[in-house]
Amino acid sequence: MGYWKELAQGVLDGNELSDADALSILECPDKDLLELLQAAYTIRHHYYENLVKLNMIINTKSGMCPENCGYCAQSSVSDAPIEKYRMMDKDTILKGAEQAFNLNAGTYCIVASGRGPSEKEIDTVTSAVEEIKAKYGIKVCACLGILKPSQAERLKSAGVDRYNHNLNTSSNHHEAITTSHTYEDRVNTVELVKSSGISPCSGVIIGMKETKQDVVDMARSLKALDADSIPVNFLHAIDGTPLEGTDELNPRYCLKVLCLMRFINPTKEIRISGGREVNLRSLQPLGLYPANSIFVGDYLTTAGQETTADHKMLEDLGFEIEFTKEEITVN
């Protein structure tokens, strides 16, 4: 049995990777990449077979954020020429849910910029979620920033299934990316939604000048948080942000990162998220051997791949969409 297969079998047997083994995944020679992907696929297939979850984002509030996150076009330190608008009304959010339903997206992600939501914004989101659940039956994920306990409870009562709050980077690298909130603020928000009975979603952004050890630490932190869904973003450096011009990634390294996330978090939903089109490029299909979830449609301030191309990619791979609209009853 080869090294990667043996490592994968150890994971399936309940063993945890050593730091040396984890780093060896990120440092895998390119000539061995297909063997590494096959090993990661054995873990992915064990838990998810060939099923793929589809997710769709709606950016319900854009720009005007007081935080200073270096990667974000919506932050206070960004000069990126993006569209800025206040919270969408309920009807617009509902139209997005209809689109997600028609695309066979099993999860509709309601995202808003800012440090945290106002009570009025919570009112809009909860009212929309109640109607979405009644009409379409799809899962709803909210991503609204740092929450108060009462807000988390309201979201849960309205029917929010999942809440996203990314760690983004390692605790060691956090202050190089933002200083307007702490790493602990992010961890505490994830713990809050867990205690409210909402499924936690938390992920990372790769390519922000972090070390390989930072990437290993991110994967381990997400395991410790017990995040059910792990979005893996690859930096799409936007002109006008502090990370403008950063270009550290290649498609092969991105695949190795996805494999690492699968080895360390074997049972979790690993989602290829923002930046997959510009960083994985022609190797996008290979990402679904370690990962089992993707976004369809556009991201927050950048365009995604055509949804028809995503569906065709899954068909060509012989993978199946986990959720289809025939599986639910529309009221």
C-alpha atoms as a PDB file:
ATOM      1  CA  MET A   1       0.000   0.000   0.000  1.00  0.00           C
ATOM      2  CA  GLY A   2       1.360   3.431  -0.960  1.00  0.00           C
ATOM      3  CA  TYR A   3       1.980   6.227   1.533  1.00  0.00           C
ATOM      4  CA  TRP A   4      -1.133   8.245   0.655  1.00  0.00           C
ATOM      5  CA  LYS A   5      -3.430   5.214   0.634  1.00  0.00           C
ATOM      6  CA  GLU A   6      -2.037   4.119   3.980  1.00  0.00           C
ATOM      7  CA  LEU A   7      -2.572   7.600   5.395  1.00  0.00           C
ATOM      8  CA  ALA A   8      -6.186   7.620   4.139  1.00  0.00           C
ATOM      9  CA  GLN A   9      -6.866   4.198   5.596  1.00  0.00           C
ATOM     10  CA  GLY A  10      -5.522   5.410   8.916  1.00  0.00           C
ATOM     11  CA  VAL A  11      -7.995   8.315   8.829  1.00  0.00           C
ATOM     12  CA  LEU A  12     -10.857   5.918   8.090  1.00  0.00           C
ATOM     13  CA  ASP A  13      -9.664   3.808  11.032  1.00  0.00           C
ATOM     14  CA  GLY A  14      -9.974   6.846  13.298  1.00  0.00           C
ATOM     15  CA  ASN A  15      -6.378   7.988  13.429  1.00  0.00           C
ATOM     16  CA  GLU A  16      -5.385  11.663  13.392  1.00  0.00           C
ATOM     17  CA  LEU A  17      -2.617  13.016  11.206  1.00  0.00           C
ATOM     18  CA  SER A  18       0.662  14.110  12.735  1.00  0.00           C
ATOM     19  CA  ASP A  19       1.888  17.570  11.784  1.00  0.00           C
ATOM     20  CA  ALA A  20       4.565  15.918   9.662  1.00  0.00           C
ATOM     21  CA  ASP A  21       1.956  13.928   7.727  1.00  0.00           C
ATOM     22  CA  ALA A  22      -0.269  17.005   7.358  1.00  0.00           C
ATOM     23  CA  LEU A  23       2.593  19.097   5.975  1.00  0.00           C
ATOM     24  CA  SER A  24       3.568  16.254   3.646  1.00  0.00           C
ATOM     25  CA  ILE A  25       0.141  16.607   1.980  1.00  0.00           C
ATOM     26  CA  LEU A  26       0.748  20.297   1.252  1.00  0.00           C
ATOM     27  CA  GLU A  27       4.278  19.494   0.087  1.00  0.00           C
ATOM     28  CA  CYS A  28       3.243  16.501  -2.035  1.00  0.00           C
ATOM     29  CA  PRO A  29       5.375  16.353  -5.207  1.00  0.00           C
ATOM     30  CA  ASP A  30       3.291  17.263  -8.239  1.00  0.00           C
ATOM     31  CA  LYS A  31       4.140  13.888  -9.802  1.00  0.00           C
ATOM     32  CA  ASP A  32       2.283  12.183  -6.921  1.00  0.00           C
ATOM     33  CA  LEU A  33      -0.746  14.494  -6.971  1.00  0.00           C
ATOM     34  CA  LEU A  34      -3.106  12.017  -8.629  1.00  0.00           C
ATOM     35  CA  GLU A  35      -2.257   9.395  -5.999  1.00  0.00           C
ATOM     36  CA  LEU A  36      -2.962  11.928  -3.242  1.00  0.00           C
ATOM     37  CA  LEU A  37      -6.295  12.855  -4.838  1.00  0.00           C
ATOM     38  CA  GLN A  38      -7.245   9.192  -5.103  1.00  0.00           C
ATOM     39  CA  ALA A  39      -6.453   8.697  -1.414  1.00  0.00           C
ATOM     40  CA  ALA A  40      -8.544  11.740  -0.439  1.00  0.00           C
ATOM     41  CA  TYR A  41     -11.343  10.430  -2.648  1.00  0.00           C
ATOM     42  CA  THR A  42     -11.456   7.140  -0.731  1.00  0.00           C
ATOM     43  CA  ILE A  43     -12.264   9.138   2.414  1.00  0.00           C
ATOM     44  CA  ARG A  44     -14.761  11.386   0.622  1.00  0.00           C
ATOM     45  CA  HIS A  45     -16.470   8.424  -1.055  1.00  0.00           C
ATOM     46  CA  HIS A  46     -16.733   6.546   2.241  1.00  0.00           C
ATOM     47  CA  TYR A  47     -18.878   9.319   3.730  1.00  0.00           C
ATOM     48  CA  TYR A  48     -20.503  10.951   0.678  1.00  0.00           C
ATOM     49  CA  GLU A  49     -20.137   8.538  -2.254  1.00  0.00           C
ATOM     50  CA  ASN A  50     -20.390  10.618  -5.475  1.00  0.00           C
ATOM     51  CA  LEU A  51     -22.922  13.118  -4.165  1.00  0.00           C
ATOM     52  CA  VAL A  52     -22.292  16.870  -4.452  1.00  0.00           C
ATOM     53  CA  LYS A  53     -24.056  19.592  -2.488  1.00  0.00           C
ATOM     54  CA  LEU A  54     -24.854  22.836  -4.313  1.00  0.00           C
ATOM     55  CA  ASN A  55     -25.010  26.173  -2.490  1.00  0.00           C
ATOM     56  CA  MET A  56     -25.997  29.626  -3.751  1.00  0.00           C
ATOM     57  CA  ILE A  57     -25.151  33.017  -2.220  1.00  0.00           C
ATOM     58  CA  ILE A  58     -27.135  36.241  -2.244  1.00  0.00           C
ATOM     59  CA  ASN A  59     -25.299  39.381  -1.123  1.00  0.00           C
ATOM     60  CA  THR A  60     -28.158  41.179   0.607  1.00  0.00           C
ATOM     61  CA  LYS A  61     -26.086  44.154   1.792  1.00  0.00           C
ATOM     62  CA  SER A  62     -22.932  45.295   0.051  1.00  0.00           C
ATOM     63  CA  GLY A  63     -20.047  47.489   1.154  1.00  0.00           C
ATOM     64  CA  MET A  64     -20.018  50.098   3.929  1.00  0.00           C
ATOM     65  CA  CYS A  65     -18.425  47.665   6.384  1.00  0.00           C
ATOM     66  CA  PRO A  66     -16.447  49.216   9.273  1.00  0.00           C
ATOM     67  CA  GLU A  67     -14.076  46.240   9.559  1.00  0.00           C
ATOM     68  CA  ASN A  68     -10.559  46.354   8.064  1.00  0.00           C
ATOM     69  CA  CYS A  69     -10.203  42.848   6.611  1.00  0.00           C
ATOM     70  CA  GLY A  70      -7.392  43.013   4.073  1.00  0.00           C
ATOM     71  CA  TYR A  71      -8.934  40.614   1.564  1.00  0.00           C
ATOM     72  CA  CYS A  72     -12.393  42.177   1.355  1.00  0.00           C
ATOM     73  CA  ALA A  73     -13.607  44.655  -1.255  1.00  0.00           C
ATOM     74  CA  GLN A  74     -16.410  45.689   1.118  1.00  0.00           C
ATOM     75  CA  SER A  75     -14.162  46.731   4.016  1.00  0.00           C
ATOM     76  CA  SER A  76     -13.394  50.214   5.322  1.00  0.00           C
ATOM     77  CA  VAL A  77      -9.838  50.003   3.951  1.00  0.00           C
ATOM     78  CA  SER A  78     -10.866  49.028   0.413  1.00  0.00           C
ATOM     79  CA  ASP A  79     -10.940  51.364  -2.567  1.00  0.00           C
ATOM     80  CA  ALA A  80     -12.372  48.690  -4.854  1.00  0.00           C
ATOM     81  CA  PRO A  81     -15.119  50.041  -7.141  1.00  0.00           C
ATOM     82  CA  ILE A  82     -17.929  47.771  -5.997  1.00  0.00           C
ATOM     83  CA  GLU A  83     -21.670  48.286  -5.902  1.00  0.00           C
ATOM     84  CA  LYS A  84     -22.786  49.449  -2.458  1.00  0.00           C
ATOM     85  CA  TYR A  85     -26.313  49.125  -1.124  1.00  0.00           C
ATOM     86  CA  ARG A  86     -28.199  48.758   2.128  1.00  0.00           C
ATOM     87  CA  MET A  87     -30.184  45.674   3.162  1.00  0.00           C
ATOM     88  CA  MET A  88     -32.383  44.273   0.389  1.00  0.00           C
ATOM     89  CA  ASP A  89     -36.101  44.008   0.985  1.00  0.00           C
ATOM     90  CA  LYS A  90     -37.768  40.678   1.666  1.00  0.00           C
ATOM     91  CA  ASP A  91     -39.173  40.268  -1.839  1.00  0.00           C
ATOM     92  CA  THR A  92     -35.718  40.501  -3.415  1.00  0.00           C
ATOM     93  CA  ILE A  93     -34.363  37.883  -0.992  1.00  0.00           C
ATOM     94  CA  LEU A  94     -37.322  35.634  -1.873  1.00  0.00           C
ATOM     95  CA  LYS A  95     -36.568  35.965  -5.605  1.00  0.00           C
ATOM     96  CA  GLY A  96     -33.042  34.763  -4.890  1.00  0.00           C
ATOM     97  CA  ALA A  97     -34.435  31.754  -3.059  1.00  0.00           C
ATOM     98  CA  GLU A  98     -36.561  30.899  -6.098  1.00  0.00           C
ATOM     99  CA  GLN A  99     -33.451  31.022  -8.273  1.00  0.00           C
ATOM    100  CA  ALA A 100     -31.558  28.764  -5.836  1.00  0.00           C
ATOM    101  CA  PHE A 101     -34.458  26.307  -5.869  1.00  0.00           C
ATOM    102  CA  ASN A 102     -34.529  26.222  -9.662  1.00  0.00           C
ATOM    103  CA  LEU A 103     -30.766  25.585  -9.780  1.00  0.00           C
ATOM    104  CA  ASN A 104     -31.144  22.567  -7.464  1.00  0.00           C
ATOM    105  CA  ALA A 105     -29.103  24.342  -4.796  1.00  0.00           C
ATOM    106  CA  GLY A 106     -29.782  22.575  -1.535  1.00  0.00           C
ATOM    107  CA  THR A 107     -28.656  25.548   0.557  1.00  0.00           C
ATOM    108  CA  TYR A 108     -29.429  29.235   0.041  1.00  0.00           C
ATOM    109  CA  CYS A 109     -26.920  31.520   1.755  1.00  0.00           C
ATOM    110  CA  ILE A 110     -28.132  34.936   2.906  1.00  0.00           C
ATOM    111  CA  VAL A 111     -25.067  37.141   3.374  1.00  0.00           C
ATOM    112  CA  ALA A 112     -24.762  40.755   4.552  1.00  0.00           C
ATOM    113  CA  SER A 113     -21.703  42.951   5.026  1.00  0.00           C
ATOM    114  CA  GLY A 114     -20.936  44.592   8.366  1.00  0.00           C
ATOM    115  CA  ARG A 115     -19.609  43.782  11.808  1.00  0.00           C
ATOM    116  CA  GLY A 116     -22.996  42.427  12.841  1.00  0.00           C
ATOM    117  CA  PRO A 117     -26.690  42.841  12.015  1.00  0.00           C
ATOM    118  CA  SER A 118     -29.058  45.494  13.333  1.00  0.00           C
ATOM    119  CA  GLU A 119     -32.385  44.419  14.772  1.00  0.00           C
ATOM    120  CA  LYS A 120     -34.110  45.781  11.658  1.00  0.00           C
ATOM    121  CA  GLU A 121     -31.891  43.610   9.473  1.00  0.00           C
ATOM    122  CA  ILE A 122     -32.679  40.583  11.642  1.00  0.00           C
ATOM    123  CA  ASP A 123     -36.380  41.407  11.162  1.00  0.00           C
ATOM    124  CA  THR A 124     -35.943  41.347   7.369  1.00  0.00           C
ATOM    125  CA  VAL A 125     -33.951  38.116   7.358  1.00  0.00           C
ATOM    126  CA  THR A 126     -36.217  36.198   9.734  1.00  0.00           C
ATOM    127  CA  SER A 127     -39.348  37.255   7.848  1.00  0.00           C
ATOM    128  CA  ALA A 128     -37.793  36.144   4.557  1.00  0.00           C
ATOM    129  CA  VAL A 129     -36.558  32.843   5.991  1.00  0.00           C
ATOM    130  CA  GLU A 130     -39.986  31.902   7.324  1.00  0.00           C
ATOM    131  CA  GLU A 131     -41.457  32.381   3.858  1.00  0.00           C
ATOM    132  CA  ILE A 132     -38.580  30.588   2.104  1.00  0.00           C
ATOM    133  CA  LYS A 133     -38.966  27.532   4.326  1.00  0.00           C
ATOM    134  CA  ALA A 134     -42.725  27.450   3.760  1.00  0.00           C
ATOM    135  CA  LYS A 135     -42.540  27.904   0.000  1.00  0.00           C
ATOM    136  CA  TYR A 136     -39.374  26.102  -1.100  1.00  0.00           C
ATOM    137  CA  GLY A 137     -38.249  23.863   1.746  1.00  0.00           C
ATOM    138  CA  ILE A 138     -34.561  24.440   1.008  1.00  0.00           C
ATOM    139  CA  LYS A 139     -31.930  24.837   3.683  1.00  0.00           C
ATOM    140  CA  VAL A 140     -31.015  28.385   4.634  1.00  0.00           C
ATOM    141  CA  CYS A 141     -27.601  29.540   5.796  1.00  0.00           C
ATOM    142  CA  ALA A 142     -27.174  33.055   7.194  1.00  0.00           C
ATOM    143  CA  CYS A 143     -23.906  34.994   7.277  1.00  0.00           C
ATOM    144  CA  LEU A 144     -24.473  38.314   9.002  1.00  0.00           C
ATOM    145  CA  GLY A 145     -21.347  38.840  11.104  1.00  0.00           C
ATOM    146  CA  ILE A 146     -20.947  38.781  14.870  1.00  0.00           C
ATOM    147  CA  LEU A 147     -24.235  37.912  16.595  1.00  0.00           C
ATOM    148  CA  LYS A 148     -25.840  38.642  19.943  1.00  0.00           C
ATOM    149  CA  PRO A 149     -27.379  35.612  21.721  1.00  0.00           C
ATOM    150  CA  SER A 150     -30.914  36.966  21.225  1.00  0.00           C
ATOM    151  CA  GLN A 151     -30.279  37.350  17.487  1.00  0.00           C
ATOM    152  CA  ALA A 152     -29.045  33.786  17.183  1.00  0.00           C
ATOM    153  CA  GLU A 153     -32.195  32.587  18.932  1.00  0.00           C
ATOM    154  CA  ARG A 154     -34.403  34.580  16.541  1.00  0.00           C
ATOM    155  CA  LEU A 155     -32.634  33.136  13.513  1.00  0.00           C
ATOM    156  CA  LYS A 156     -33.060  29.625  14.871  1.00  0.00           C
ATOM    157  CA  SER A 157     -36.772  30.192  15.558  1.00  0.00           C
ATOM    158  CA  ALA A 158     -37.302  31.506  12.023  1.00  0.00           C
ATOM    159  CA  GLY A 159     -35.870  28.320  10.530  1.00  0.00           C
ATOM    160  CA  VAL A 160     -32.241  29.167   9.755  1.00  0.00           C
ATOM    161  CA  ASP A 161     -30.488  25.819   9.402  1.00  0.00           C
ATOM    162  CA  ARG A 162     -26.877  26.959   9.283  1.00  0.00           C
ATOM    163  CA  TYR A 163     -24.808  30.011  10.180  1.00  0.00           C
ATOM    164  CA  ASN A 164     -21.542  30.879   8.489  1.00  0.00           C
ATOM    165  CA  HIS A 165     -18.758  32.757  10.223  1.00  0.00           C
ATOM    166  CA  ASN A 166     -15.348  31.958   8.779  1.00  0.00           C
ATOM    167  CA  LEU A 167     -12.161  31.795  10.799  1.00  0.00           C
ATOM    168  CA  ASN A 168     -10.505  32.903   7.532  1.00  0.00           C
ATOM    169  CA  THR A 169      -6.956  32.273   8.710  1.00  0.00           C
ATOM    170  CA  SER A 170      -4.970  30.881  11.623  1.00  0.00           C
ATOM    171  CA  SER A 171      -4.862  32.510  15.045  1.00  0.00           C
ATOM    172  CA  ASN A 172      -1.168  33.189  14.458  1.00  0.00           C
ATOM    173  CA  HIS A 173      -1.787  35.028  11.166  1.00  0.00           C
ATOM    174  CA  HIS A 174      -5.046  36.785  12.104  1.00  0.00           C
ATOM    175  CA  GLU A 175      -3.601  40.202  12.974  1.00  0.00           C
ATOM    176  CA  ALA A 176      -1.824  40.366   9.624  1.00  0.00           C
ATOM    177  CA  ILE A 177      -5.261  40.240   7.979  1.00  0.00           C
ATOM    178  CA  THR A 178      -7.480  42.296  10.304  1.00  0.00           C
ATOM    179  CA  THR A 179      -7.226  44.164  13.614  1.00  0.00           C
ATOM    180  CA  SER A 180     -10.791  45.478  13.941  1.00  0.00           C
ATOM    181  CA  HIS A 181     -11.921  42.249  15.592  1.00  0.00           C
ATOM    182  CA  THR A 182     -10.085  39.364  17.198  1.00  0.00           C
ATOM    183  CA  TYR A 183      -9.708  35.736  16.251  1.00  0.00           C
ATOM    184  CA  GLU A 184     -11.570  34.937  19.467  1.00  0.00           C
ATOM    185  CA  ASP A 185     -14.512  37.076  18.289  1.00  0.00           C
ATOM    186  CA  ARG A 186     -14.851  34.708  15.341  1.00  0.00           C
ATOM    187  CA  VAL A 187     -14.518  31.552  17.405  1.00  0.00           C
ATOM    188  CA  ASN A 188     -17.038  32.843  19.946  1.00  0.00           C
ATOM    189  CA  THR A 189     -19.598  33.557  17.212  1.00  0.00           C
ATOM    190  CA  VAL A 190     -19.338  29.994  15.911  1.00  0.00           C
ATOM    191  CA  GLU A 191     -19.714  28.643  19.443  1.00  0.00           C
ATOM    192  CA  LEU A 192     -22.756  30.883  19.985  1.00  0.00           C
ATOM    193  CA  VAL A 193     -24.626  29.557  16.953  1.00  0.00           C
ATOM    194  CA  LYS A 194     -23.793  25.995  17.989  1.00  0.00           C
ATOM    195  CA  SER A 195     -25.256  26.606  21.439  1.00  0.00           C
ATOM    196  CA  SER A 196     -28.386  28.030  19.772  1.00  0.00           C
ATOM    197  CA  GLY A 197     -28.922  24.777  17.887  1.00  0.00           C
ATOM    198  CA  ILE A 198     -27.863  26.107  14.485  1.00  0.00           C
ATOM    199  CA  SER A 199     -25.451  24.062  12.372  1.00  0.00           C
ATOM    200  CA  PRO A 200     -22.044  25.807  12.314  1.00  0.00           C
ATOM    201  CA  CYS A 201     -20.368  26.669   9.011  1.00  0.00           C
ATOM    202  CA  SER A 202     -16.836  28.025   9.181  1.00  0.00           C
ATOM    203  CA  GLY A 203     -14.006  28.080   6.703  1.00  0.00           C
ATOM    204  CA  VAL A 204     -10.842  29.705   5.463  1.00  0.00           C
ATOM    205  CA  ILE A 205      -9.248  31.842   2.780  1.00  0.00           C
ATOM    206  CA  ILE A 206      -6.064  30.397   1.327  1.00  0.00           C
ATOM    207  CA  GLY A 207      -3.377  32.509  -0.336  1.00  0.00           C
ATOM    208  CA  MET A 208      -3.105  35.464   2.089  1.00  0.00           C
ATOM    209  CA  LYS A 209       0.644  35.107   2.704  1.00  0.00           C
ATOM    210  CA  GLU A 210       0.144  32.462   5.387  1.00  0.00           C
ATOM    211  CA  THR A 211       2.600  29.607   5.933  1.00  0.00           C
ATOM    212  CA  LYS A 212       1.863  25.942   5.301  1.00  0.00           C
ATOM    213  CA  GLN A 213       1.827  25.431   9.070  1.00  0.00           C
ATOM    214  CA  ASP A 214      -0.866  28.121   9.271  1.00  0.00           C
ATOM    215  CA  VAL A 215      -2.949  26.080   6.805  1.00  0.00           C
ATOM    216  CA  VAL A 216      -2.535  22.968   8.948  1.00  0.00           C
ATOM    217  CA  ASP A 217      -3.506  24.990  12.031  1.00  0.00           C
ATOM    218  CA  MET A 218      -6.642  26.259  10.240  1.00  0.00           C
ATOM    219  CA  ALA A 219      -7.724  22.712   9.416  1.00  0.00           C
ATOM    220  CA  ARG A 220      -7.167  21.609  13.013  1.00  0.00           C
ATOM    221  CA  SER A 221      -9.018  24.641  14.421  1.00  0.00           C
ATOM    222  CA  LEU A 222     -12.044  23.829  12.268  1.00  0.00           C
ATOM    223  CA  LYS A 223     -11.930  20.258  13.523  1.00  0.00           C
ATOM    224  CA  ALA A 224     -11.822  21.521  17.125  1.00  0.00           C
ATOM    225  CA  LEU A 225     -14.815  23.793  16.392  1.00  0.00           C
ATOM    226  CA  ASP A 226     -16.658  20.804  14.898  1.00  0.00           C
ATOM    227  CA  ALA A 227     -17.829  22.911  11.957  1.00  0.00           C
ATOM    228  CA  ASP A 228     -20.340  20.901   9.914  1.00  0.00           C
ATOM    229  CA  SER A 229     -19.547  22.754   6.705  1.00  0.00           C
ATOM    230  CA  ILE A 230     -16.100  24.061   5.735  1.00  0.00           C
ATOM    231  CA  PRO A 231     -15.942  26.526   2.836  1.00  0.00           C
ATOM    232  CA  VAL A 232     -12.427  26.696   1.396  1.00  0.00           C
ATOM    233  CA  ASN A 233     -11.897  30.009  -0.386  1.00  0.00           C
ATOM    234  CA  PHE A 234      -8.850  30.731  -2.526  1.00  0.00           C
ATOM    235  CA  LEU A 235      -7.868  34.386  -2.558  1.00  0.00           C
ATOM    236  CA  HIS A 236      -9.067  36.300  -5.584  1.00  0.00           C
ATOM    237  CA  ALA A 237      -7.027  39.428  -4.918  1.00  0.00           C
ATOM    238  CA  ILE A 238      -9.126  42.465  -5.769  1.00  0.00           C
ATOM    239  CA  ASP A 239      -7.599  45.756  -6.869  1.00  0.00           C
ATOM    240  CA  GLY A 240      -8.138  48.399  -4.211  1.00  0.00           C
ATOM    241  CA  THR A 241      -7.766  46.027  -1.252  1.00  0.00           C
ATOM    242  CA  PRO A 242      -4.630  45.735   0.919  1.00  0.00           C
ATOM    243  CA  LEU A 243      -3.940  42.302  -0.616  1.00  0.00           C
ATOM    244  CA  GLU A 244      -4.094  43.699  -4.162  1.00  0.00           C
ATOM    245  CA  GLY A 245      -1.578  41.941  -6.408  1.00  0.00           C
ATOM    246  CA  THR A 246      -1.120  38.921  -4.121  1.00  0.00           C
ATOM    247  CA  ASP A 247      -0.697  35.865  -6.319  1.00  0.00           C
ATOM    248  CA  GLU A 248       0.708  32.924  -4.351  1.00  0.00           C
ATOM    249  CA  LEU A 249      -1.471  30.068  -5.560  1.00  0.00           C
ATOM    250  CA  ASN A 250      -1.432  27.540  -8.355  1.00  0.00           C
ATOM    251  CA  PRO A 251      -4.097  24.920  -9.133  1.00  0.00           C
ATOM    252  CA  ARG A 252      -2.003  21.999  -7.868  1.00  0.00           C
ATOM    253  CA  TYR A 253      -1.431  23.574  -4.444  1.00  0.00           C
ATOM    254  CA  CYS A 254      -5.143  24.398  -4.173  1.00  0.00           C
ATOM    255  CA  LEU A 255      -5.924  20.703  -4.720  1.00  0.00           C
ATOM    256  CA  LYS A 256      -3.438  19.741  -1.993  1.00  0.00           C
ATOM    257  CA  VAL A 257      -5.173  22.132   0.423  1.00  0.00           C
ATOM    258  CA  LEU A 258      -8.543  20.513  -0.334  1.00  0.00           C
ATOM    259  CA  CYS A 259      -7.005  17.084   0.293  1.00  0.00           C
ATOM    260  CA  LEU A 260      -5.618  18.274   3.642  1.00  0.00           C
ATOM    261  CA  MET A 261      -9.053  19.539   4.698  1.00  0.00           C
ATOM    262  CA  ARG A 262     -10.561  16.146   3.836  1.00  0.00           C
ATOM    263  CA  PHE A 263      -7.874  14.192   5.705  1.00  0.00           C
ATOM    264  CA  ILE A 264      -8.237  16.313   8.866  1.00  0.00           C
ATOM    265  CA  ASN A 265     -12.032  16.739   8.685  1.00  0.00           C
ATOM    266  CA  PRO A 266     -13.042  13.459   7.035  1.00  0.00           C
ATOM    267  CA  THR A 267     -16.774  13.489   7.834  1.00  0.00           C
ATOM    268  CA  LYS A 268     -17.478  17.149   7.076  1.00  0.00           C
ATOM    269  CA  GLU A 269     -18.854  18.997   4.083  1.00  0.00           C
ATOM    270  CA  ILE A 270     -15.801  20.437   2.338  1.00  0.00           C
ATOM    271  CA  ARG A 271     -16.932  23.168  -0.053  1.00  0.00           C
ATOM    272  CA  ILE A 272     -14.868  24.673  -2.851  1.00  0.00           C
ATOM    273  CA  SER A 273     -15.823  28.315  -2.520  1.00  0.00           C
ATOM    274  CA  GLY A 274     -14.721  31.773  -3.653  1.00  0.00           C
ATOM    275  CA  GLY A 275     -11.834  31.958  -6.091  1.00  0.00           C
ATOM    276  CA  ARG A 276     -12.161  28.419  -7.434  1.00  0.00           C
ATOM    277  CA  GLU A 277     -12.548  29.570 -11.025  1.00  0.00           C
ATOM    278  CA  VAL A 278      -9.473  31.833 -11.074  1.00  0.00           C
ATOM    279  CA  ASN A 279      -7.251  29.583  -8.936  1.00  0.00           C
ATOM    280  CA  LEU A 280      -8.180  26.001  -9.852  1.00  0.00           C
ATOM    281  CA  ARG A 281      -8.863  26.963 -13.459  1.00  0.00           C
ATOM    282  CA  SER A 282      -8.843  23.889 -15.724  1.00  0.00           C
ATOM    283  CA  LEU A 283      -8.332  21.600 -12.717  1.00  0.00           C
ATOM    284  CA  GLN A 284     -11.679  22.515 -11.120  1.00  0.00           C
ATOM    285  CA  PRO A 285     -13.201  19.044 -11.689  1.00  0.00           C
ATOM    286  CA  LEU A 286     -10.376  17.390  -9.723  1.00  0.00           C
ATOM    287  CA  GLY A 287     -11.335  19.466  -6.681  1.00  0.00           C
ATOM    288  CA  LEU A 288     -14.459  17.362  -6.255  1.00  0.00           C
ATOM    289  CA  TYR A 289     -12.420  14.261  -5.496  1.00  0.00           C
ATOM    290  CA  PRO A 290     -11.552  15.598  -2.010  1.00  0.00           C
ATOM    291  CA  ALA A 291     -14.449  18.100  -1.741  1.00  0.00           C
ATOM    292  CA  ASN A 292     -18.169  17.337  -1.872  1.00  0.00           C
ATOM    293  CA  SER A 293     -19.743  20.762  -2.216  1.00  0.00           C
ATOM    294  CA  ILE A 294     -19.517  23.878  -4.416  1.00  0.00           C
ATOM    295  CA  PHE A 295     -21.157  27.253  -4.817  1.00  0.00           C
ATOM    296  CA  VAL A 296     -23.139  27.908  -7.982  1.00  0.00           C
ATOM    297  CA  GLY A 297     -23.700  31.405  -9.327  1.00  0.00           C
ATOM    298  CA  ASP A 298     -21.763  34.488  -8.262  1.00  0.00           C
ATOM    299  CA  TYR A 299     -19.964  35.281  -5.011  1.00  0.00           C
ATOM    300  CA  LEU A 300     -20.146  38.462  -2.933  1.00  0.00           C
ATOM    301  CA  THR A 301     -18.325  40.906  -5.213  1.00  0.00           C
ATOM    302  CA  THR A 302     -16.877  38.595  -7.891  1.00  0.00           C
ATOM    303  CA  ALA A 303     -18.475  36.540 -10.654  1.00  0.00           C
ATOM    304  CA  GLY A 304     -18.640  32.762 -10.574  1.00  0.00           C
ATOM    305  CA  GLN A 305     -18.715  30.211 -13.346  1.00  0.00           C
ATOM    306  CA  GLU A 306     -21.852  29.826 -15.474  1.00  0.00           C
ATOM    307  CA  THR A 307     -24.239  27.535 -13.602  1.00  0.00           C
ATOM    308  CA  THR A 308     -24.798  25.460 -16.724  1.00  0.00           C
ATOM    309  CA  ALA A 309     -21.043  24.804 -16.812  1.00  0.00           C
ATOM    310  CA  ASP A 310     -21.127  23.663 -13.171  1.00  0.00           C
ATOM    311  CA  HIS A 311     -23.960  21.236 -13.838  1.00  0.00           C
ATOM    312  CA  LYS A 312     -22.176  19.942 -16.931  1.00  0.00           C
ATOM    313  CA  MET A 313     -18.974  19.476 -14.926  1.00  0.00           C
ATOM    314  CA  LEU A 314     -20.809  17.297 -12.404  1.00  0.00           C
ATOM    315  CA  GLU A 315     -22.430  15.294 -15.185  1.00  0.00           C
ATOM    316  CA  ASP A 316     -19.067  14.753 -16.892  1.00  0.00           C
ATOM    317  CA  LEU A 317     -17.550  13.545 -13.606  1.00  0.00           C
ATOM    318  CA  GLY A 318     -20.386  11.069 -13.070  1.00  0.00           C
ATOM    319  CA  PHE A 319     -21.281  12.802  -9.795  1.00  0.00           C
ATOM    320  CA  GLU A 320     -24.837  13.433  -8.627  1.00  0.00           C
ATOM    321  CA  ILE A 321     -26.429  16.515  -7.105  1.00  0.00           C
ATOM    322  CA  GLU A 322     -27.442  15.569  -3.572  1.00  0.00           C
ATOM    323  CA  PHE A 323     -30.558  17.728  -3.589  1.00  0.00           C
ATOM    324  CA  THR A 324     -33.128  17.922  -6.352  1.00  0.00           C
ATOM    325  CA  LYS A 325     -36.345  19.891  -6.418  1.00  0.00           C
ATOM    326  CA  GLU A 326     -38.356  16.698  -6.897  1.00  0.00           C
ATOM    327  CA  GLU A 327     -37.400  15.702  -3.350  1.00  0.00           C
ATOM    328  CA  ILE A 328     -39.457  18.456  -1.735  1.00  0.00           C
ATOM    329  CA  THR A 329     -43.076  19.510  -1.931  1.00  0.00           C
ATOM    330  CA  VAL A 330     -43.765  23.093  -2.927  1.00  0.00           C
ATOM    331  CA  ASN A 331     -46.675  24.711  -1.142  1.00  0.00           C
END
